[in-house]
Protein backbone atom coordinates (compact mmCIF):
# COMPACT_ATOMS: atom_id res chain seq x y z
CA MET A 1 0.00 0.00 0.00
CA ALA A 2 1.07 3.54 -0.61
CA GLU A 3 2.12 5.50 2.45
CA LYS A 4 0.92 9.05 2.86
CA ALA A 5 3.71 11.52 3.42
CA ALA A 6 3.25 13.87 6.36
CA PRO A 7 3.16 17.56 5.53
CA PRO A 8 6.58 19.16 6.04
CA ASP A 9 5.28 21.63 8.63
CA ARG A 10 4.02 18.87 10.97
CA ARG A 11 6.00 18.47 14.17
CA PRO A 12 6.66 15.08 15.74
CA VAL A 13 4.19 14.04 18.43
CA VAL A 14 6.95 12.87 20.78
CA THR A 15 9.21 15.78 21.63
CA PRO A 16 11.80 16.09 24.41
CA THR A 17 9.48 18.50 26.23
CA ARG A 18 6.65 15.99 26.19
CA VAL A 19 8.98 13.23 27.37
CA VAL A 20 9.99 15.36 30.38
CA ALA A 21 6.33 16.20 31.04
CA GLY A 22 5.46 12.51 30.85
CA LEU A 23 8.21 11.63 33.31
CA CYS A 24 6.89 14.30 35.68
CA LEU A 25 3.48 12.65 35.54
CA VAL A 26 4.73 9.06 35.86
CA ALA A 27 7.15 9.64 38.76
CA PRO A 28 4.45 9.82 41.49
CA PHE A 29 2.85 6.58 40.27
CA ILE A 30 6.16 4.74 40.38
CA ALA A 31 6.96 6.15 43.81
CA MET A 32 3.59 5.08 45.22
CA LEU A 33 3.47 1.67 43.54
CA TRP A 34 6.91 0.71 44.90
CA VAL A 35 5.53 0.09 48.39
CA SER A 36 8.52 -1.83 49.71
CA SER A 37 10.58 1.37 49.47
CA TYR A 38 8.49 3.13 52.13
CA ALA A 39 6.80 0.31 54.09
CA ARG A 40 8.47 1.04 57.40
CA ILE A 41 7.94 3.07 60.55
CA GLU A 42 11.30 4.79 60.99
CA PRO A 43 12.22 7.62 60.53
CA THR A 44 9.33 9.41 62.15
CA LEU A 45 8.54 13.06 61.54
CA ILE A 46 6.93 14.83 64.52
CA GLY A 47 5.67 11.46 65.68
CA ILE A 48 4.22 10.41 62.30
CA PRO A 49 5.57 7.10 60.93
CA PHE A 50 7.51 7.24 57.67
CA PHE A 51 4.85 5.21 55.86
CA TYR A 52 2.31 8.04 56.29
CA TRP A 53 4.41 11.17 55.93
CA TYR A 54 6.13 9.81 52.81
CA GLN A 55 2.76 9.44 51.10
CA MET A 56 1.65 12.89 52.24
CA ALA A 57 4.90 14.37 50.90
CA TRP A 58 4.14 12.83 47.52
CA VAL A 59 0.80 14.65 47.45
CA LEU A 60 2.72 17.93 47.47
CA ILE A 61 5.43 16.64 45.12
CA SER A 62 2.78 15.37 42.70
CA THR A 63 1.14 18.78 42.67
CA VAL A 64 4.42 20.47 41.78
CA LEU A 65 5.29 17.89 39.12
CA THR A 66 1.84 18.17 37.53
CA MET A 67 2.19 21.94 37.42
CA VAL A 68 5.64 21.63 35.80
CA ALA A 69 4.30 19.20 33.19
CA TYR A 70 1.37 21.50 32.43
CA LYS A 71 3.61 24.55 32.04
CA LEU A 72 6.04 22.66 29.79
CA VAL A 73 3.31 21.48 27.44
CA GLN A 74 1.60 24.87 27.50
CA ARG A 75 4.88 26.63 26.61
CA GLU A 76 5.52 24.16 23.80
CA GLN A 77 2.03 24.71 22.37
CA ARG A 78 2.42 28.49 22.54
CA ALA A 79 5.78 28.28 20.77
CA HIS A 80 4.26 26.04 18.09
CA LYS A 81 1.32 28.40 17.49
CA GLY A 82 3.61 31.43 17.48
CA GLY A 83 5.97 29.79 15.01
CA ALA A 84 3.16 28.82 12.63
CA ALA A 85 1.78 32.38 12.41
């Protein structure tokens, strides 16, 4: 079968920016699914076992990483729209 050639102005779907954004979004899942890395009591933080405060820390870390991923993709889209005009 004949393959259709992509228009020359089309950018690749997988860009380094999107790879970094994807890693920012995947990191919290990996950290939370690897339970054996944090399934312990020590060290405690103000009396809270490690198991609990580690998960709560990842709530904040996940928020920051999601924001970074969003800003990276948003900046890439703005640059793409600005370059096409």
